[in-house]
Amino acid sequence: MARSLRIGGVSIGGDLPLVLIAGPCQLETPAHARMICERLLAACAPTGMPLVFKASYDKANRTAATTPRGPGLETGLRMLADIRAEFAIPVLTDVHETGHCAPAAQAVDILQIPAFLCRQTDLLQAAGATGAAVNIKKGQFLAPRDMAHAAAKVQATGNDRILLTERGTSFGYNTLVTDFRALPLMAETGWPVIFDATHSVQAPGALDGASGGERAFVPVLARAAVAVGVAGLFLETHEDPARAPSDGATMLPLDEVPALLARLAALDRLTKGG
């Protein structure tokens, strides 16, 4: 039986309506984060879709050392805490170090374990020990059923507020593919499953020091995942992706979000019998 979780006023999982986890890849300025959050809430409003705002304070896993990483722990967490307080919605951010988990859990509702770190026991358990919800991204190298072991590491801390996210599988060099069998296989664990539509179209390291991607396929994969019956959709967006400091090639333009959400909400109702 699929579980449902209550996170910062939002219920996710089971046969509940689709939840959107969305925001920019990397924090830029407080005004920019606020603008994107406002526009995402406006896009969600006609559909009734709950929003979890996401953004990274430190993109520690970059292709090259010269690429920007974000405002850092102290400034970034203050920005995220302000978004949570102002808009009264849950907030998610990713953590890369065990020492970041406790302070991050004070500012946000969900700690995200990056895909490349999904087997790091100390990081998983440090995140779990905070009591915050933990979203574990499936490694590009990992079989779907192996995510049960990652979740068990968090659950061993007494924390059963766990989400699992599919974000594509490595297929040769600089290429990811999505095997939609992974979604029901991960759901066998009982934890709510999220589909990351933007990182799934990434071409890791393909731009000679940066990752490329094919954002045109984001709506295609999102519709397919919702048709399978996921609990939530993860989406990165920006008003001008070409000028974004990271993952510009895969982020969906902010102007395109409302129409996509309208289609996804209708498909989700059909899939879940609502």
C-alpha atoms as a PDB file:
ATOM      1  CA  MET A   1       0.000   0.000   0.000  1.00  0.00           C
ATOM      2  CA  ALA A   2       1.467   3.341  -1.081  1.00  0.00           C
ATOM      3  CA  ARG A   3       2.091   5.704   1.811  1.00  0.00           C
ATOM      4  CA  SER A   4       1.082   9.308   1.957  1.00  0.00           C
ATOM      5  CA  LEU A   5       3.092  11.947   3.803  1.00  0.00           C
ATOM      6  CA  ARG A   6       2.218  15.328   5.243  1.00  0.00           C
ATOM      7  CA  ILE A   7       5.008  17.824   4.645  1.00  0.00           C
ATOM      8  CA  GLY A   8       4.631  21.447   5.631  1.00  0.00           C
ATOM      9  CA  GLY A   9       0.908  21.516   4.981  1.00  0.00           C
ATOM     10  CA  VAL A  10       1.083  19.518   1.729  1.00  0.00           C
ATOM     11  CA  SER A  11      -0.053  15.889   1.469  1.00  0.00           C
ATOM     12  CA  ILE A  12       1.728  13.695  -1.068  1.00  0.00           C
ATOM     13  CA  GLY A  13       1.530  10.035  -2.051  1.00  0.00           C
ATOM     14  CA  GLY A  14      -1.063   7.302  -2.254  1.00  0.00           C
ATOM     15  CA  ASP A  15      -3.827   8.292  -4.661  1.00  0.00           C
ATOM     16  CA  LEU A  16      -3.611  11.959  -3.698  1.00  0.00           C
ATOM     17  CA  PRO A  17      -3.443  14.597  -6.444  1.00  0.00           C
ATOM     18  CA  LEU A  18      -0.136  15.390  -8.091  1.00  0.00           C
ATOM     19  CA  VAL A  19       2.240  17.695  -6.194  1.00  0.00           C
ATOM     20  CA  LEU A  20       4.617  20.048  -8.018  1.00  0.00           C
ATOM     21  CA  ILE A  21       8.190  20.455  -6.731  1.00  0.00           C
ATOM     22  CA  ALA A  22       9.583  23.351  -8.740  1.00  0.00           C
ATOM     23  CA  GLY A  23      11.860  26.353  -8.800  1.00  0.00           C
ATOM     24  CA  PRO A  24      15.178  27.479 -10.254  1.00  0.00           C
ATOM     25  CA  CYS A  25      18.142  25.141 -10.293  1.00  0.00           C
ATOM     26  CA  GLN A  26      20.291  27.593  -8.334  1.00  0.00           C
ATOM     27  CA  LEU A  27      19.420  30.494  -6.068  1.00  0.00           C
ATOM     28  CA  GLU A  28      20.369  33.871  -7.510  1.00  0.00           C
ATOM     29  CA  THR A  29      18.875  36.769  -5.517  1.00  0.00           C
ATOM     30  CA  PRO A  30      16.017  37.027  -3.008  1.00  0.00           C
ATOM     31  CA  ALA A  31      13.956  39.007  -5.507  1.00  0.00           C
ATOM     32  CA  HIS A  32      14.509  36.411  -8.213  1.00  0.00           C
ATOM     33  CA  ALA A  33      13.492  33.519  -5.953  1.00  0.00           C
ATOM     34  CA  ARG A  34      10.391  35.430  -4.843  1.00  0.00           C
ATOM     35  CA  MET A  35       9.405  36.209  -8.449  1.00  0.00           C
ATOM     36  CA  ILE A  36       9.666  32.580  -9.536  1.00  0.00           C
ATOM     37  CA  CYS A  37       7.731  31.398  -6.487  1.00  0.00           C
ATOM     38  CA  GLU A  38       4.940  33.902  -7.136  1.00  0.00           C
ATOM     39  CA  ARG A  39       4.626  32.850 -10.764  1.00  0.00           C
ATOM     40  CA  LEU A  40       4.638  29.155  -9.899  1.00  0.00           C
ATOM     41  CA  LEU A  41       1.893  29.671  -7.342  1.00  0.00           C
ATOM     42  CA  ALA A  42      -0.128  31.547  -9.961  1.00  0.00           C
ATOM     43  CA  ALA A  43       0.382  28.669 -12.408  1.00  0.00           C
ATOM     44  CA  CYS A  44      -0.682  26.095  -9.816  1.00  0.00           C
ATOM     45  CA  ALA A  45      -3.762  27.996  -8.611  1.00  0.00           C
ATOM     46  CA  PRO A  46      -6.182  27.104 -11.456  1.00  0.00           C
ATOM     47  CA  THR A  47      -5.284  23.409 -11.159  1.00  0.00           C
ATOM     48  CA  GLY A  48      -5.368  23.163  -7.353  1.00  0.00           C
ATOM     49  CA  MET A  49      -1.920  21.563  -7.540  1.00  0.00           C
ATOM     50  CA  PRO A  50       0.123  22.053  -4.323  1.00  0.00           C
ATOM     51  CA  LEU A  51       3.558  23.619  -4.733  1.00  0.00           C
ATOM     52  CA  VAL A  52       6.819  22.775  -2.999  1.00  0.00           C
ATOM     53  CA  PHE A  53       9.409  25.433  -3.867  1.00  0.00           C
ATOM     54  CA  LYS A  54      12.902  24.132  -4.624  1.00  0.00           C
ATOM     55  CA  ALA A  55      16.278  25.764  -5.169  1.00  0.00           C
ATOM     56  CA  SER A  56      19.920  25.000  -4.378  1.00  0.00           C
ATOM     57  CA  TYR A  57      22.094  27.170  -2.154  1.00  0.00           C
ATOM     58  CA  ASP A  58      25.252  25.363  -3.316  1.00  0.00           C
ATOM     59  CA  LYS A  59      25.630  23.355  -6.515  1.00  0.00           C
ATOM     60  CA  ALA A  60      28.563  21.305  -5.271  1.00  0.00           C
ATOM     61  CA  ASN A  61      28.355  18.792  -8.136  1.00  0.00           C
ATOM     62  CA  ARG A  62      29.349  20.866 -11.170  1.00  0.00           C
ATOM     63  CA  THR A  63      31.108  19.670 -14.310  1.00  0.00           C
ATOM     64  CA  ALA A  64      33.900  22.267 -14.060  1.00  0.00           C
ATOM     65  CA  ALA A  65      35.390  24.153 -11.130  1.00  0.00           C
ATOM     66  CA  THR A  66      34.863  27.501 -12.865  1.00  0.00           C
ATOM     67  CA  THR A  67      31.054  27.302 -12.992  1.00  0.00           C
ATOM     68  CA  PRO A  68      28.987  29.229 -10.401  1.00  0.00           C
ATOM     69  CA  ARG A  69      27.721  27.324  -7.370  1.00  0.00           C
ATOM     70  CA  GLY A  70      25.247  29.676  -5.709  1.00  0.00           C
ATOM     71  CA  PRO A  71      25.119  31.965  -2.671  1.00  0.00           C
ATOM     72  CA  GLY A  72      26.376  29.370  -0.186  1.00  0.00           C
ATOM     73  CA  LEU A  73      25.020  27.843   2.999  1.00  0.00           C
ATOM     74  CA  GLU A  74      24.317  30.823   5.255  1.00  0.00           C
ATOM     75  CA  THR A  75      22.958  33.266   2.667  1.00  0.00           C
ATOM     76  CA  GLY A  76      21.134  30.587   0.701  1.00  0.00           C
ATOM     77  CA  LEU A  77      19.363  29.072   3.682  1.00  0.00           C
ATOM     78  CA  ARG A  78      18.245  32.528   4.795  1.00  0.00           C
ATOM     79  CA  MET A  79      16.730  33.082   1.346  1.00  0.00           C
ATOM     80  CA  LEU A  80      14.927  29.736   1.450  1.00  0.00           C
ATOM     81  CA  ALA A  81      13.630  30.333   4.978  1.00  0.00           C
ATOM     82  CA  ASP A  82      12.264  33.691   3.835  1.00  0.00           C
ATOM     83  CA  ILE A  83      10.409  32.039   0.939  1.00  0.00           C
ATOM     84  CA  ARG A  84       8.883  29.494   3.302  1.00  0.00           C
ATOM     85  CA  ALA A  85       7.777  32.182   5.743  1.00  0.00           C
ATOM     86  CA  GLU A  86       6.436  34.626   3.159  1.00  0.00           C
ATOM     87  CA  PHE A  87       4.453  32.154   1.052  1.00  0.00           C
ATOM     88  CA  ALA A  88       3.623  29.542   3.720  1.00  0.00           C
ATOM     89  CA  ILE A  89       4.585  26.640   1.470  1.00  0.00           C
ATOM     90  CA  PRO A  90       7.063  23.781   1.903  1.00  0.00           C
ATOM     91  CA  VAL A  91      10.600  24.296   0.599  1.00  0.00           C
ATOM     92  CA  LEU A  92      13.176  21.765  -0.629  1.00  0.00           C
ATOM     93  CA  THR A  93      16.925  22.056  -1.052  1.00  0.00           C
ATOM     94  CA  ASP A  94      19.725  19.588  -1.681  1.00  0.00           C
ATOM     95  CA  VAL A  95      22.517  18.805   0.762  1.00  0.00           C
ATOM     96  CA  HIS A  96      25.946  17.457  -0.107  1.00  0.00           C
ATOM     97  CA  GLU A  97      27.672  17.294   3.276  1.00  0.00           C
ATOM     98  CA  THR A  98      26.643  15.762   6.594  1.00  0.00           C
ATOM     99  CA  GLY A  99      27.390  19.034   8.402  1.00  0.00           C
ATOM    100  CA  HIS A 100      24.875  20.904   6.251  1.00  0.00           C
ATOM    101  CA  CYS A 101      21.906  18.703   7.153  1.00  0.00           C
ATOM    102  CA  ALA A 102      21.040  20.142  10.562  1.00  0.00           C
ATOM    103  CA  PRO A 103      21.155  23.844   9.583  1.00  0.00           C
ATOM    104  CA  ALA A 104      19.334  23.142   6.309  1.00  0.00           C
ATOM    105  CA  ALA A 105      16.561  21.329   8.191  1.00  0.00           C
ATOM    106  CA  GLN A 106      15.949  24.499  10.193  1.00  0.00           C
ATOM    107  CA  ALA A 107      15.297  26.484   7.010  1.00  0.00           C
ATOM    108  CA  VAL A 108      13.462  23.997   4.752  1.00  0.00           C
ATOM    109  CA  ASP A 109      10.983  21.136   4.962  1.00  0.00           C
ATOM    110  CA  ILE A 110      12.650  18.594   2.652  1.00  0.00           C
ATOM    111  CA  LEU A 111      16.330  17.682   2.416  1.00  0.00           C
ATOM    112  CA  GLN A 112      17.231  16.277  -0.977  1.00  0.00           C
ATOM    113  CA  ILE A 113      20.005  13.729  -1.459  1.00  0.00           C
ATOM    114  CA  PRO A 114      21.610  14.259  -4.875  1.00  0.00           C
ATOM    115  CA  ALA A 115      21.625  11.292  -7.254  1.00  0.00           C
ATOM    116  CA  PHE A 116      25.396  10.838  -7.185  1.00  0.00           C
ATOM    117  CA  LEU A 117      25.265  10.635  -3.360  1.00  0.00           C
ATOM    118  CA  CYS A 118      22.309   8.274  -2.959  1.00  0.00           C
ATOM    119  CA  ARG A 119      24.537   5.481  -1.567  1.00  0.00           C
ATOM    120  CA  GLN A 120      26.368   7.709   0.940  1.00  0.00           C
ATOM    121  CA  THR A 121      25.296   6.177   4.237  1.00  0.00           C
ATOM    122  CA  ASP A 122      26.545   8.987   6.477  1.00  0.00           C
ATOM    123  CA  LEU A 123      24.761  11.652   4.437  1.00  0.00           C
ATOM    124  CA  LEU A 124      21.493   9.697   4.300  1.00  0.00           C
ATOM    125  CA  GLN A 125      21.525   9.082   8.024  1.00  0.00           C
ATOM    126  CA  ALA A 126      22.503  12.661   8.875  1.00  0.00           C
ATOM    127  CA  ALA A 127      19.566  13.881   6.794  1.00  0.00           C
ATOM    128  CA  GLY A 128      17.225  11.352   8.382  1.00  0.00           C
ATOM    129  CA  ALA A 129      18.335  12.262  11.891  1.00  0.00           C
ATOM    130  CA  THR A 130      17.116  15.853  11.444  1.00  0.00           C
ATOM    131  CA  GLY A 131      13.488  14.702  11.290  1.00  0.00           C
ATOM    132  CA  ALA A 132      12.944  16.644   8.059  1.00  0.00           C
ATOM    133  CA  ALA A 133      11.431  14.847   5.097  1.00  0.00           C
ATOM    134  CA  VAL A 134      14.135  13.343   2.868  1.00  0.00           C
ATOM    135  CA  ASN A 135      13.908  13.129  -0.924  1.00  0.00           C
ATOM    136  CA  ILE A 136      16.417  10.634  -2.318  1.00  0.00           C
ATOM    137  CA  LYS A 137      17.219  10.955  -5.996  1.00  0.00           C
ATOM    138  CA  LYS A 138      17.954   7.641  -7.707  1.00  0.00           C
ATOM    139  CA  GLY A 139      21.515   7.466  -8.937  1.00  0.00           C
ATOM    140  CA  GLN A 140      21.958   7.392 -12.704  1.00  0.00           C
ATOM    141  CA  PHE A 141      23.818   4.126 -12.122  1.00  0.00           C
ATOM    142  CA  LEU A 142      21.311   2.447  -9.774  1.00  0.00           C
ATOM    143  CA  ALA A 143      18.596  -0.149 -10.381  1.00  0.00           C
ATOM    144  CA  PRO A 144      15.131   1.009  -9.236  1.00  0.00           C
ATOM    145  CA  ARG A 145      14.676  -1.712  -6.610  1.00  0.00           C
ATOM    146  CA  ASP A 146      18.028  -0.796  -5.033  1.00  0.00           C
ATOM    147  CA  MET A 147      16.457   2.436  -3.816  1.00  0.00           C
ATOM    148  CA  ALA A 148      14.827   0.396  -1.055  1.00  0.00           C
ATOM    149  CA  HIS A 149      18.269   0.138   0.563  1.00  0.00           C
ATOM    150  CA  ALA A 150      18.843   3.897   0.403  1.00  0.00           C
ATOM    151  CA  ALA A 151      15.448   4.490   1.990  1.00  0.00           C
ATOM    152  CA  ALA A 152      16.203   1.918   4.700  1.00  0.00           C
ATOM    153  CA  LYS A 153      19.268   3.926   5.751  1.00  0.00           C
ATOM    154  CA  VAL A 154      17.074   6.960   6.391  1.00  0.00           C
ATOM    155  CA  GLN A 155      14.351   4.893   8.053  1.00  0.00           C
ATOM    156  CA  ALA A 156      16.943   3.401  10.414  1.00  0.00           C
ATOM    157  CA  THR A 157      17.183   6.847  12.053  1.00  0.00           C
ATOM    158  CA  GLY A 158      13.492   6.651  12.988  1.00  0.00           C
ATOM    159  CA  ASN A 159      12.490   8.929  10.113  1.00  0.00           C
ATOM    160  CA  ASP A 160       9.783   7.558   7.836  1.00  0.00           C
ATOM    161  CA  ARG A 161       9.180  10.769   5.883  1.00  0.00           C
ATOM    162  CA  ILE A 162      10.851   9.608   2.666  1.00  0.00           C
ATOM    163  CA  LEU A 163      10.378  10.397  -1.025  1.00  0.00           C
ATOM    164  CA  LEU A 164      12.136   8.664  -3.946  1.00  0.00           C
ATOM    165  CA  THR A 165      12.867  10.472  -7.214  1.00  0.00           C
ATOM    166  CA  GLU A 166      13.613   9.081 -10.680  1.00  0.00           C
ATOM    167  CA  ARG A 167      15.867  11.300 -12.819  1.00  0.00           C
ATOM    168  CA  GLY A 168      17.097   9.124 -15.693  1.00  0.00           C
ATOM    169  CA  THR A 169      19.707   6.433 -16.193  1.00  0.00           C
ATOM    170  CA  SER A 170      23.156   6.725 -17.775  1.00  0.00           C
ATOM    171  CA  PHE A 171      23.239   5.384 -21.333  1.00  0.00           C
ATOM    172  CA  GLY A 172      26.743   5.646 -22.689  1.00  0.00           C
ATOM    173  CA  TYR A 173      28.572   8.970 -22.490  1.00  0.00           C
ATOM    174  CA  ASN A 174      26.729  12.295 -21.982  1.00  0.00           C
ATOM    175  CA  THR A 175      23.305  10.675 -22.326  1.00  0.00           C
ATOM    176  CA  LEU A 176      20.449   9.752 -20.017  1.00  0.00           C
ATOM    177  CA  VAL A 177      17.398   7.665 -20.838  1.00  0.00           C
ATOM    178  CA  THR A 178      14.205   7.159 -18.837  1.00  0.00           C
ATOM    179  CA  ASP A 179      12.912   3.657 -18.240  1.00  0.00           C
ATOM    180  CA  PHE A 180       9.347   4.194 -17.060  1.00  0.00           C
ATOM    181  CA  ARG A 181       9.323   0.729 -15.503  1.00  0.00           C
ATOM    182  CA  ALA A 182      11.423   2.350 -12.778  1.00  0.00           C
ATOM    183  CA  LEU A 183       8.420   4.285 -11.456  1.00  0.00           C
ATOM    184  CA  PRO A 184       6.236   1.305 -10.439  1.00  0.00           C
ATOM    185  CA  LEU A 185       9.330  -0.624  -9.365  1.00  0.00           C
ATOM    186  CA  MET A 186      10.336   2.160  -6.988  1.00  0.00           C
ATOM    187  CA  ALA A 187       6.726   2.429  -5.825  1.00  0.00           C
ATOM    188  CA  GLU A 188       6.968  -1.198  -4.640  1.00  0.00           C
ATOM    189  CA  THR A 189       8.983   0.179  -1.714  1.00  0.00           C
ATOM    190  CA  GLY A 190       5.809   1.907  -0.487  1.00  0.00           C
ATOM    191  CA  TRP A 191       7.420   5.367  -0.533  1.00  0.00           C
ATOM    192  CA  PRO A 192       5.902   8.122  -2.709  1.00  0.00           C
ATOM    193  CA  VAL A 193       7.665   8.386  -6.074  1.00  0.00           C
ATOM    194  CA  ILE A 194       8.560  11.677  -7.780  1.00  0.00           C
ATOM    195  CA  PHE A 195       9.579  12.116 -11.406  1.00  0.00           C
ATOM    196  CA  ASP A 196      12.258  14.693 -12.224  1.00  0.00           C
ATOM    197  CA  ALA A 197      11.298  15.803 -15.715  1.00  0.00           C
ATOM    198  CA  THR A 198      14.104  18.308 -16.248  1.00  0.00           C
ATOM    199  CA  HIS A 199      17.175  16.395 -15.094  1.00  0.00           C
ATOM    200  CA  SER A 200      15.917  13.375 -17.024  1.00  0.00           C
ATOM    201  CA  VAL A 201      16.567  15.227 -20.300  1.00  0.00           C
ATOM    202  CA  GLN A 202      20.075  16.270 -19.257  1.00  0.00           C
ATOM    203  CA  ALA A 203      23.184  15.522 -21.305  1.00  0.00           C
ATOM    204  CA  PRO A 204      25.767  15.391 -18.472  1.00  0.00           C
ATOM    205  CA  GLY A 205      29.008  17.184 -19.295  1.00  0.00           C
ATOM    206  CA  ALA A 206      28.115  17.443 -22.977  1.00  0.00           C
ATOM    207  CA  LEU A 207      28.937  21.149 -23.372  1.00  0.00           C
ATOM    208  CA  ASP A 208      32.680  20.974 -22.662  1.00  0.00           C
ATOM    209  CA  GLY A 209      32.595  21.972 -19.006  1.00  0.00           C
ATOM    210  CA  ALA A 210      28.840  22.152 -18.532  1.00  0.00           C
ATOM    211  CA  SER A 211      25.841  19.885 -18.975  1.00  0.00           C
ATOM    212  CA  GLY A 212      23.570  20.173 -21.973  1.00  0.00           C
ATOM    213  CA  GLY A 213      20.134  18.755 -22.533  1.00  0.00           C
ATOM    214  CA  GLU A 214      16.975  18.667 -24.629  1.00  0.00           C
ATOM    215  CA  ARG A 215      14.308  20.694 -22.858  1.00  0.00           C
ATOM    216  CA  ALA A 216      11.828  20.063 -25.683  1.00  0.00           C
ATOM    217  CA  PHE A 217      11.288  16.601 -24.210  1.00  0.00           C
ATOM    218  CA  VAL A 218      10.435  17.825 -20.697  1.00  0.00           C
ATOM    219  CA  PRO A 219       6.658  17.989 -21.358  1.00  0.00           C
ATOM    220  CA  VAL A 220       6.765  14.625 -23.133  1.00  0.00           C
ATOM    221  CA  LEU A 221       8.419  12.812 -20.243  1.00  0.00           C
ATOM    222  CA  ALA A 222       6.300  14.658 -17.675  1.00  0.00           C
ATOM    223  CA  ARG A 223       3.088  13.497 -19.349  1.00  0.00           C
ATOM    224  CA  ALA A 224       4.365   9.926 -19.518  1.00  0.00           C
ATOM    225  CA  ALA A 225       5.288   9.899 -15.827  1.00  0.00           C
ATOM    226  CA  VAL A 226       1.938  11.333 -14.743  1.00  0.00           C
ATOM    227  CA  ALA A 227       0.177   8.721 -16.871  1.00  0.00           C
ATOM    228  CA  VAL A 228       2.055   6.043 -14.921  1.00  0.00           C
ATOM    229  CA  GLY A 229       0.735   7.563 -11.685  1.00  0.00           C
ATOM    230  CA  VAL A 230       3.529   9.363  -9.811  1.00  0.00           C
ATOM    231  CA  ALA A 231       2.965  11.221  -6.554  1.00  0.00           C
ATOM    232  CA  GLY A 232       4.787  14.336  -7.653  1.00  0.00           C
ATOM    233  CA  LEU A 233       6.599  16.061 -10.488  1.00  0.00           C
ATOM    234  CA  PHE A 234       9.978  17.766 -10.047  1.00  0.00           C
ATOM    235  CA  LEU A 235      10.592  20.613 -12.453  1.00  0.00           C
ATOM    236  CA  GLU A 236      13.263  23.276 -12.728  1.00  0.00           C
ATOM    237  CA  THR A 237      12.283  26.532 -14.381  1.00  0.00           C
ATOM    238  CA  HIS A 238      13.645  29.983 -15.168  1.00  0.00           C
ATOM    239  CA  GLU A 239      12.294  33.061 -16.903  1.00  0.00           C
ATOM    240  CA  ASP A 240      15.330  33.056 -19.246  1.00  0.00           C
ATOM    241  CA  PRO A 241      17.036  29.639 -19.179  1.00  0.00           C
ATOM    242  CA  ALA A 242      19.798  30.758 -21.545  1.00  0.00           C
ATOM    243  CA  ARG A 243      21.014  33.177 -18.844  1.00  0.00           C
ATOM    244  CA  ALA A 244      20.599  30.825 -15.880  1.00  0.00           C
ATOM    245  CA  PRO A 245      23.791  30.087 -13.910  1.00  0.00           C
ATOM    246  CA  SER A 246      23.250  26.309 -14.100  1.00  0.00           C
ATOM    247  CA  ASP A 247      21.249  23.705 -16.047  1.00  0.00           C
ATOM    248  CA  GLY A 248      19.897  26.259 -18.497  1.00  0.00           C
ATOM    249  CA  ALA A 249      19.670  23.649 -21.256  1.00  0.00           C
ATOM    250  CA  THR A 250      17.135  21.583 -19.335  1.00  0.00           C
ATOM    251  CA  MET A 251      15.064  24.138 -17.430  1.00  0.00           C
ATOM    252  CA  LEU A 252      11.563  24.811 -18.724  1.00  0.00           C
ATOM    253  CA  PRO A 253      10.861  28.474 -19.548  1.00  0.00           C
ATOM    254  CA  LEU A 254       8.620  29.937 -16.863  1.00  0.00           C
ATOM    255  CA  ASP A 255       6.091  31.097 -19.468  1.00  0.00           C
ATOM    256  CA  GLU A 256       5.481  27.479 -20.508  1.00  0.00           C
ATOM    257  CA  VAL A 257       4.695  26.170 -17.023  1.00  0.00           C
ATOM    258  CA  PRO A 258       0.973  27.119 -16.745  1.00  0.00           C
ATOM    259  CA  ALA A 259      -0.100  25.263 -19.898  1.00  0.00           C
ATOM    260  CA  LEU A 260       1.903  22.180 -18.939  1.00  0.00           C
ATOM    261  CA  LEU A 261       0.439  22.095 -15.431  1.00  0.00           C
ATOM    262  CA  ALA A 262      -3.111  22.334 -16.815  1.00  0.00           C
ATOM    263  CA  ARG A 263      -2.509  19.272 -19.004  1.00  0.00           C
ATOM    264  CA  LEU A 264      -0.769  17.352 -16.238  1.00  0.00           C
ATOM    265  CA  ALA A 265      -3.526  18.048 -13.707  1.00  0.00           C
ATOM    266  CA  ALA A 266      -6.162  16.743 -16.119  1.00  0.00           C
ATOM    267  CA  LEU A 267      -4.076  13.643 -16.878  1.00  0.00           C
ATOM    268  CA  ASP A 268      -3.443  13.047 -13.172  1.00  0.00           C
ATOM    269  CA  ARG A 269      -7.169  13.102 -12.426  1.00  0.00           C
ATOM    270  CA  LEU A 270      -7.782  10.577 -15.183  1.00  0.00           C
ATOM    271  CA  THR A 271      -4.917   8.335 -14.059  1.00  0.00           C
ATOM    272  CA  LYS A 272      -5.967   8.324 -10.401  1.00  0.00           C
ATOM    273  CA  GLY A 273      -9.698   8.167 -11.069  1.00  0.00           C
ATOM    274  CA  GLY A 274     -10.398  11.574  -9.560  1.00  0.00           C
END
